[in-house]
């Protein structure tokens, strides 16, 4: 329906802009903490710089499923608006605080009150039935990737011209504008959701837990290079500074381009077949990262990053689709909230493993650990395929009735 298409386009735009606003400050929290601590308390810089990222991630892991369950009962549009307003308030508070410990506390509250991505996913599946579910979730994932790519660039420019406060105030304004735009989204009350035609089936025992395990594995592998990526490009490849940003952005760009294509492909198949393909994509990531590990020139390294981003479009968005297709509409907010919590858990594990692994094997060999992690993920998916029976039918057909 035209209304659904308009709503989805508006939602994608809101997600892109709001995620960009959140990522504007992403790289700069440690710099602000260092500034607020001063030389007298410089010994706490490492601790607080870790907590400012880990704290909100753990809070979101715990509370995002609860926000999703509330959205299942009240509608997901209110959860989108609530999350955006919470993000705006927390960014404004971060701009005016002069206590580094309080700054970390604000970030934890931000993580606890957010849950925007899961709410947007559940809303899109409830209201935007134009196209298949895989395509819908992939478009949202692409919007997140583009926002995450553009946000730090704009944030760096704002830091240069004025400083951290202007950066946070800008994010506040953007989130408030996104919240206002969200008011124009059609309502998604639970009664409307029940009217949607669906073919829900009983969820096979262990299937949801298996999908959460897949998400943890693939996200741990994806986030593992974070602690050493910039150091590797600079010290091992001896590449210029601009290449660090360009090669990092390359994978985000190909992810954004490939995710809708993978989503359109997977909308045609049953969950068992999709999971089989996901396993082979994980093996492809293993081979791609092995090539990354042996690339001695930046041209080969950049090519491997482009290819790796293309494979990423077939992992996390597809895992979310497998969850969405195998739970009833009345439980999708909660289930997708669990999926987002699993993604954060995997990301946290990956970052920790990457930092520890770099110290164990050395910077020059760090990407071999990432390749090995993808091999473990592929074997884990093979085990899940063997022990968790996949549903025979999806919860909602690719082309929902337009009546």
Protein backbone atom coordinates (compact mmCIF):
# COMPACT_ATOMS: atom_id res chain seq x y z
CA UNK A 1 0.00 0.00 0.00
CA UNK A 2 1.10 3.56 -0.70
CA UNK A 3 0.64 4.56 2.92
CA UNK A 4 2.87 1.72 4.07
CA UNK A 5 5.54 2.66 1.54
CA UNK A 6 5.48 6.29 2.69
CA UNK A 7 5.68 5.23 6.34
CA UNK A 8 8.65 2.95 5.65
CA UNK A 9 10.51 5.68 3.75
CA UNK A 10 9.91 8.11 6.61
CA UNK A 11 11.05 5.52 9.16
CA UNK A 12 14.22 4.76 7.19
CA UNK A 13 15.01 8.48 7.01
CA UNK A 14 14.44 8.89 10.75
CA UNK A 15 16.67 5.92 11.50
CA UNK A 16 19.45 7.17 9.24
CA UNK A 17 19.43 10.70 10.67
CA UNK A 18 19.02 9.72 14.33
CA UNK A 19 21.72 7.04 14.18
CA UNK A 20 24.01 9.56 12.53
CA UNK A 21 23.29 11.96 15.39
CA UNK A 22 24.15 9.31 17.96
CA UNK A 23 27.36 8.35 16.19
CA UNK A 24 28.51 11.97 15.96
CA UNK A 25 29.89 11.73 19.48
CA UNK A 26 30.97 8.07 19.24
CA UNK A 27 34.74 8.50 18.81
CA UNK A 28 35.05 11.51 21.11
CA UNK A 29 33.83 10.37 24.54
CA UNK A 30 37.35 9.43 25.74
CA UNK A 31 38.64 12.87 24.72
CA UNK A 32 35.92 14.58 26.75
CA UNK A 33 36.60 12.33 29.74
CA UNK A 34 40.30 13.09 29.52
CA UNK A 35 39.54 16.81 29.43
CA UNK A 36 37.15 16.66 32.41
CA UNK A 37 39.52 14.54 34.51
CA UNK A 38 42.49 16.83 34.01
CA UNK A 39 46.04 15.92 34.91
CA UNK A 40 45.26 15.40 38.60
CA UNK A 41 42.97 12.40 37.93
CA UNK A 42 44.51 11.18 34.69
CA UNK A 43 44.90 7.67 36.14
CA UNK A 44 41.13 7.13 35.71
CA UNK A 45 41.12 7.91 31.99
CA UNK A 46 41.42 4.29 30.86
CA UNK A 47 38.76 3.03 33.25
CA UNK A 48 36.20 5.69 32.40
CA UNK A 49 36.95 5.50 28.69
CA UNK A 50 36.03 1.81 28.83
CA UNK A 51 32.94 2.35 30.97
CA UNK A 52 31.61 5.12 28.74
CA UNK A 53 31.18 2.50 25.99
CA UNK A 54 30.59 -0.70 27.98
CA UNK A 55 28.13 0.86 30.45
CA UNK A 56 25.40 1.88 28.01
CA UNK A 57 25.89 -1.33 26.05
CA UNK A 58 25.23 -3.48 29.13
CA UNK A 59 22.27 -1.32 30.18
CA UNK A 60 20.75 -1.68 26.72
CA UNK A 61 21.35 -5.43 26.77
CA UNK A 62 19.30 -5.70 29.96
CA UNK A 63 16.43 -3.34 29.16
CA UNK A 64 15.85 -3.36 25.38
CA UNK A 65 13.73 -6.56 25.51
CA UNK A 66 11.56 -4.96 28.21
CA UNK A 67 10.96 -1.90 26.03
CA UNK A 68 10.10 -4.29 23.22
CA UNK A 69 7.57 -6.11 25.38
CA UNK A 70 6.00 -2.78 26.34
CA UNK A 71 5.82 -1.90 22.63
CA UNK A 72 4.01 -5.18 21.95
CA UNK A 73 1.32 -4.06 24.40
CA UNK A 74 1.04 -0.34 23.61
CA UNK A 75 2.30 -0.08 20.02
CA UNK A 76 5.85 0.55 18.81
CA UNK A 77 5.38 4.12 17.59
CA UNK A 78 5.29 5.44 21.20
CA UNK A 79 8.49 3.49 21.89
CA UNK A 80 10.21 5.16 18.90
CA UNK A 81 9.22 8.62 20.16
CA UNK A 82 10.17 7.76 23.76
CA UNK A 83 13.61 6.52 22.70
CA UNK A 84 14.34 9.60 20.59
CA UNK A 85 13.31 11.95 23.39
CA UNK A 86 15.48 10.01 25.84
CA UNK A 87 18.45 10.26 23.48
CA UNK A 88 17.88 14.01 23.09
CA UNK A 89 17.74 14.62 26.84
CA UNK A 90 20.84 12.54 27.55
CA UNK A 91 22.83 14.31 24.84
CA UNK A 92 21.82 17.68 26.29
CA UNK A 93 22.87 16.60 29.78
CA UNK A 94 26.21 15.32 28.43
CA UNK A 95 26.85 18.78 26.96
CA UNK A 96 26.51 20.58 30.31
CA UNK A 97 28.09 18.18 32.80
CA UNK A 98 31.59 18.86 34.11
CA UNK A 99 31.91 15.64 36.15
CA UNK A 100 33.46 12.73 34.21
CA UNK A 101 31.82 10.13 36.46
CA UNK A 102 28.43 11.77 35.93
CA UNK A 103 29.11 11.75 32.19
CA UNK A 104 29.50 7.98 32.32
CA UNK A 105 26.30 7.75 34.36
CA UNK A 106 24.43 9.76 31.72
CA UNK A 107 25.68 7.38 29.06
CA UNK A 108 24.43 4.39 31.06
CA UNK A 109 21.01 6.02 31.41
CA UNK A 110 21.04 6.70 27.67
CA UNK A 111 21.64 3.01 26.98
CA UNK A 112 18.91 1.98 29.42
CA UNK A 113 16.27 4.31 27.96
CA UNK A 114 17.06 3.94 24.27
CA UNK A 115 16.01 0.78 22.41
CA UNK A 116 15.29 2.76 19.24
CA UNK A 117 16.57 0.22 16.70
CA UNK A 118 14.47 -2.65 18.06
CA UNK A 119 11.38 -0.41 18.24
CA UNK A 120 11.90 0.74 14.65
CA UNK A 121 12.27 -2.86 13.46
CA UNK A 122 9.12 -4.02 15.24
CA UNK A 123 7.17 -0.99 14.01
CA UNK A 124 8.25 -1.56 10.41
CA UNK A 125 7.16 -5.20 10.51
CA UNK A 126 3.82 -4.27 12.09
CA UNK A 127 2.87 -1.47 9.69
CA UNK A 128 5.07 -1.47 6.60
CA UNK A 129 4.05 -4.57 4.67
CA UNK A 130 5.23 -3.36 1.25
CA UNK A 131 7.77 -5.98 0.21
CA UNK A 132 9.17 -8.87 2.20
CA UNK A 133 10.36 -8.79 5.79
CA UNK A 134 13.95 -9.37 4.80
CA UNK A 135 13.89 -6.33 2.55
CA UNK A 136 12.32 -4.16 5.25
CA UNK A 137 14.84 -5.09 7.94
CA UNK A 138 17.71 -4.83 5.47
CA UNK A 139 16.70 -1.30 4.51
CA UNK A 140 16.72 -0.31 8.17
CA UNK A 141 20.13 -1.95 8.61
CA UNK A 142 21.43 -0.03 5.60
CA UNK A 143 20.14 3.21 7.11
CA UNK A 144 21.98 2.40 10.35
CA UNK A 145 25.19 1.70 8.42
CA UNK A 146 25.00 4.97 6.48
CA UNK A 147 24.22 6.95 9.64
CA UNK A 148 27.10 5.29 11.47
CA UNK A 149 29.37 6.20 8.58
CA UNK A 150 28.34 9.85 8.23
CA UNK A 151 27.90 10.66 11.93
CA UNK A 152 31.56 10.57 13.04
CA UNK A 153 32.59 12.67 10.04
CA UNK A 154 30.12 15.42 10.94
CA UNK A 155 31.02 15.02 14.63
CA UNK A 156 34.70 15.51 13.89
CA UNK A 157 33.96 18.70 11.98
CA UNK A 158 31.85 20.05 14.87
CA UNK A 159 34.59 19.16 17.35
CA UNK A 160 37.10 21.09 15.29
CA UNK A 161 35.03 24.25 14.95
CA UNK A 162 33.56 24.49 18.44
CA UNK A 163 34.08 21.49 20.72
CA UNK A 164 32.18 18.72 22.45
CA UNK A 165 29.27 20.80 23.76
CA UNK A 166 28.17 21.96 20.31
CA UNK A 167 28.41 18.37 19.10
CA UNK A 168 26.02 17.19 21.84
CA UNK A 169 23.64 20.11 21.39
CA UNK A 170 23.50 19.37 17.67
CA UNK A 171 22.64 15.74 18.39
CA UNK A 172 19.93 16.94 20.81
CA UNK A 173 18.31 19.10 18.16
CA UNK A 174 18.49 16.37 15.54
CA UNK A 175 16.89 13.80 17.87
CA UNK A 176 14.11 16.24 18.78
CA UNK A 177 13.42 16.85 15.10
CA UNK A 178 13.35 13.10 14.50
CA UNK A 179 10.90 12.67 17.39
CA UNK A 180 8.67 15.34 15.83
CA UNK A 181 8.89 13.59 12.46
CA UNK A 182 7.90 10.32 14.16
CA UNK A 183 4.57 11.85 15.11
CA UNK A 184 3.61 11.61 11.44
CA UNK A 185 4.09 7.83 11.37
CA UNK A 186 0.80 5.89 11.25
CA UNK A 187 -0.29 4.37 14.53
CA UNK A 188 0.46 0.70 15.17
CA UNK A 189 -1.89 -0.34 17.92
CA UNK A 190 -2.01 -4.00 18.96
CA UNK A 191 -5.52 -4.23 17.52
CA UNK A 192 -4.18 -3.21 14.11
CA UNK A 193 -1.45 -5.80 14.36
CA UNK A 194 -3.98 -8.57 15.00
CA UNK A 195 -5.81 -7.68 11.80
CA UNK A 196 -2.76 -8.34 9.67
CA UNK A 197 -3.00 -11.65 7.88
CA UNK A 198 -0.38 -14.02 9.13
CA UNK A 199 0.44 -17.68 9.11
CA UNK A 200 1.95 -18.02 12.56
CA UNK A 201 3.16 -21.43 13.51
CA UNK A 202 4.21 -22.86 16.82
CA UNK A 203 7.80 -21.92 17.47
CA UNK A 204 10.07 -25.00 17.47
CA UNK A 205 11.69 -25.56 20.82
CA UNK A 206 15.05 -23.81 21.05
CA UNK A 207 14.74 -21.94 17.72
CA UNK A 208 14.71 -18.41 19.19
CA UNK A 209 17.64 -19.25 21.46
CA UNK A 210 19.50 -20.68 18.47
CA UNK A 211 18.99 -17.47 16.49
CA UNK A 212 20.24 -15.39 19.42
CA UNK A 213 23.33 -17.61 19.50
CA UNK A 214 23.91 -16.97 15.79
CA UNK A 215 23.71 -13.21 16.40
CA UNK A 216 26.21 -13.36 19.27
CA UNK A 217 28.68 -15.34 17.14
CA UNK A 218 28.53 -13.14 14.04
CA UNK A 219 28.61 -9.88 15.99
CA UNK A 220 31.59 -11.00 18.07
CA UNK A 221 33.49 -11.69 14.85
CA UNK A 222 32.39 -8.40 13.28
CA UNK A 223 33.43 -6.22 16.23
CA UNK A 224 36.66 -8.02 17.04
CA UNK A 225 38.89 -5.73 14.90
CA UNK A 226 37.69 -2.56 16.63
CA UNK A 227 40.50 -2.29 19.24
CA UNK A 228 43.34 -2.76 16.76
CA UNK A 229 41.99 -1.68 13.38
CA UNK A 230 43.47 1.83 13.21
CA UNK A 231 46.78 0.64 14.68
CA UNK A 232 47.01 -2.18 12.13
CA UNK A 233 46.41 0.04 9.12
CA UNK A 234 48.87 2.65 10.36
CA UNK A 235 51.67 0.45 11.76
CA UNK A 236 51.51 -2.75 9.71
CA UNK A 237 50.38 -1.45 6.32
CA UNK A 238 52.11 1.92 6.80
CA UNK A 239 49.12 3.57 5.19
CA UNK A 240 48.31 7.29 5.40
CA UNK A 241 45.78 8.54 7.92
CA UNK A 242 43.07 9.11 5.33
CA UNK A 243 43.15 5.43 4.44
CA UNK A 244 42.17 4.44 7.98
CA UNK A 245 38.87 6.23 7.58
CA UNK A 246 38.41 5.28 3.92
CA UNK A 247 38.99 1.56 4.44
CA UNK A 248 36.79 1.56 7.54
CA UNK A 249 34.01 3.29 5.60
CA UNK A 250 34.38 0.92 2.65
CA UNK A 251 32.85 -2.04 4.48
CA UNK A 252 29.98 0.10 5.80
CA UNK A 253 29.25 1.27 2.25
CA UNK A 254 29.12 -2.24 0.76
CA UNK A 255 27.05 -3.44 3.73
CA UNK A 256 24.50 -0.69 3.07
CA UNK A 257 24.37 -1.62 -0.62
CA UNK A 258 24.26 -5.39 -0.20
CA UNK A 259 21.81 -5.76 2.70
CA UNK A 260 18.65 -5.00 0.65
CA UNK A 261 19.83 -7.38 -2.09
CA UNK A 262 20.38 -10.20 0.40
CA UNK A 263 17.04 -9.41 2.02
CA UNK A 264 15.22 -9.65 -1.32
CA UNK A 265 16.94 -12.97 -2.03
CA UNK A 266 16.19 -14.52 1.34
CA UNK A 267 12.53 -13.47 1.32
CA UNK A 268 11.99 -16.24 -1.24
CA UNK A 269 13.24 -19.10 0.92
CA UNK A 270 12.37 -21.03 4.06
CA UNK A 271 14.32 -20.57 7.32
CA UNK A 272 16.22 -23.87 7.02
CA UNK A 273 17.61 -22.90 3.62
CA UNK A 274 18.40 -19.36 4.76
CA UNK A 275 20.38 -20.64 7.75
CA UNK A 276 22.35 -22.94 5.44
CA UNK A 277 23.30 -19.95 3.28
CA UNK A 278 24.22 -17.92 6.37
CA UNK A 279 26.62 -20.69 7.37
CA UNK A 280 28.35 -20.49 3.98
CA UNK A 281 28.49 -16.71 4.23
CA UNK A 282 30.29 -17.12 7.57
CA UNK A 283 32.79 -19.43 5.84
CA UNK A 284 33.19 -16.81 3.11
CA UNK A 285 33.95 -14.24 5.80
CA UNK A 286 36.60 -16.62 7.16
CA UNK A 287 38.30 -16.77 3.76
CA UNK A 288 37.96 -13.02 3.24
CA UNK A 289 39.54 -12.23 6.61
CA UNK A 290 42.32 -14.72 5.90
CA UNK A 291 43.05 -12.72 2.77
CA UNK A 292 42.94 -9.53 4.86
CA UNK A 293 45.51 -11.04 7.23
CA UNK A 294 47.99 -11.78 4.43
CA UNK A 295 47.44 -8.57 2.43
CA UNK A 296 50.71 -6.68 2.55
CA UNK A 297 49.58 -3.73 0.43
CA UNK A 298 46.73 -1.37 1.14
CA UNK A 299 45.06 -2.07 -2.25
CA UNK A 300 44.48 -5.72 -1.37
CA UNK A 301 43.47 -4.76 2.16
CA UNK A 302 40.90 -2.29 0.85
CA UNK A 303 39.51 -4.86 -1.60
CA UNK A 304 39.04 -7.35 1.23
CA UNK A 305 37.20 -4.71 3.27
CA UNK A 306 34.81 -4.07 0.39
CA UNK A 307 34.12 -7.78 -0.01
CA UNK A 308 33.72 -8.29 3.74
CA UNK A 309 31.11 -5.53 3.91
CA UNK A 310 29.16 -7.28 1.16
CA UNK A 311 29.07 -10.48 3.21
CA UNK A 312 27.93 -8.56 6.30
CA UNK A 313 24.67 -7.67 4.60
CA UNK A 314 23.74 -11.37 4.72
CA UNK A 315 24.40 -11.86 8.43
CA UNK A 316 22.83 -9.62 11.09
CA UNK A 317 19.84 -8.37 9.02
CA UNK A 318 19.07 -11.94 7.98
CA UNK A 319 19.31 -13.20 11.57
CA UNK A 320 16.77 -10.55 12.59
CA UNK A 321 14.53 -11.68 9.73
CA UNK A 322 14.70 -15.30 10.88
CA UNK A 323 13.54 -14.18 14.32
CA UNK A 324 10.76 -11.99 12.92
CA UNK A 325 9.49 -14.74 10.63
CA UNK A 326 9.17 -17.30 13.41
CA UNK A 327 7.45 -15.45 16.25
CA UNK A 328 3.86 -14.26 16.43
CA UNK A 329 3.14 -10.57 15.73
CA UNK A 330 2.19 -10.02 19.38
CA UNK A 331 5.71 -10.99 20.49
CA UNK A 332 7.86 -9.34 17.86
CA UNK A 333 8.93 -6.31 19.89
CA UNK A 334 10.17 -8.53 22.70
CA UNK A 335 11.85 -11.01 20.33
CA UNK A 336 13.60 -8.30 18.31
CA UNK A 337 14.62 -6.66 21.58
CA UNK A 338 16.27 -9.92 22.56
CA UNK A 339 17.96 -9.96 19.16
CA UNK A 340 19.36 -6.48 19.67
CA UNK A 341 20.54 -7.45 23.16
CA UNK A 342 22.30 -10.47 21.67
CA UNK A 343 23.97 -8.19 19.11
CA UNK A 344 25.26 -5.94 21.88
CA UNK A 345 26.47 -8.97 23.85
CA UNK A 346 28.32 -10.24 20.81
CA UNK A 347 29.81 -6.81 20.13
CA UNK A 348 31.02 -6.52 23.72
CA UNK A 349 32.58 -9.99 23.59
CA UNK A 350 34.20 -9.22 20.26
CA UNK A 351 35.78 -5.99 21.46
CA UNK A 352 37.14 -7.68 24.57
CA UNK A 353 38.51 -10.63 22.57
CA UNK A 354 40.08 -8.27 20.04
CA UNK A 355 41.87 -6.26 22.70
CA UNK A 356 43.11 -9.33 24.54
CA UNK A 357 44.00 -11.16 21.33
CA UNK A 358 46.11 -8.27 20.07
CA UNK A 359 48.19 -8.49 23.21
CA UNK A 360 48.58 -12.26 22.91
CA UNK A 361 49.43 -12.77 19.21
CA UNK A 362 50.72 -9.30 18.35
CA UNK A 363 49.32 -6.59 16.13
CA UNK A 364 50.65 -8.06 12.86
CA UNK A 365 48.71 -11.32 13.33
CA UNK A 366 45.51 -9.92 14.81
CA UNK A 367 43.34 -10.40 11.73
CA UNK A 368 44.07 -14.13 11.82
CA UNK A 369 42.13 -14.19 15.09
CA UNK A 370 39.17 -12.55 13.37
CA UNK A 371 39.30 -15.14 10.59
CA UNK A 372 39.41 -17.91 13.20
CA UNK A 373 36.42 -16.39 14.99
CA UNK A 374 34.40 -16.55 11.76
CA UNK A 375 35.37 -20.21 11.38
CA UNK A 376 34.10 -20.84 14.92
CA UNK A 377 30.92 -18.91 14.07
CA UNK A 378 30.39 -21.05 10.96
CA UNK A 379 30.88 -24.24 12.97
CA UNK A 380 28.47 -22.90 15.59
CA UNK A 381 25.84 -22.24 12.93
CA UNK A 382 26.40 -25.77 11.58
CA UNK A 383 25.76 -27.13 15.09
CA UNK A 384 22.64 -25.01 15.45
CA UNK A 385 21.38 -26.31 12.11
CA UNK A 386 21.91 -29.84 13.35
CA UNK A 387 20.20 -29.53 16.73
CA UNK A 388 17.56 -26.80 16.34
CA UNK A 389 14.73 -27.75 14.00
CA UNK A 390 13.80 -24.86 11.71
CA UNK A 391 10.14 -23.95 11.11
CA UNK A 392 8.57 -25.23 7.93
CA UNK A 393 6.83 -21.95 7.16
CA UNK A 394 7.51 -18.29 7.90
CA UNK A 395 5.30 -16.24 10.17
CA UNK A 396 4.37 -13.83 7.39
CA UNK A 397 4.54 -14.45 3.70
CA UNK A 398 6.78 -12.40 1.49
CA UNK A 399 3.86 -10.53 -0.04
CA UNK A 400 1.26 -9.68 2.54
CA UNK A 401 -2.27 -9.08 1.34
CA UNK A 402 -2.86 -5.51 0.22
CA UNK A 403 -6.56 -5.54 1.08
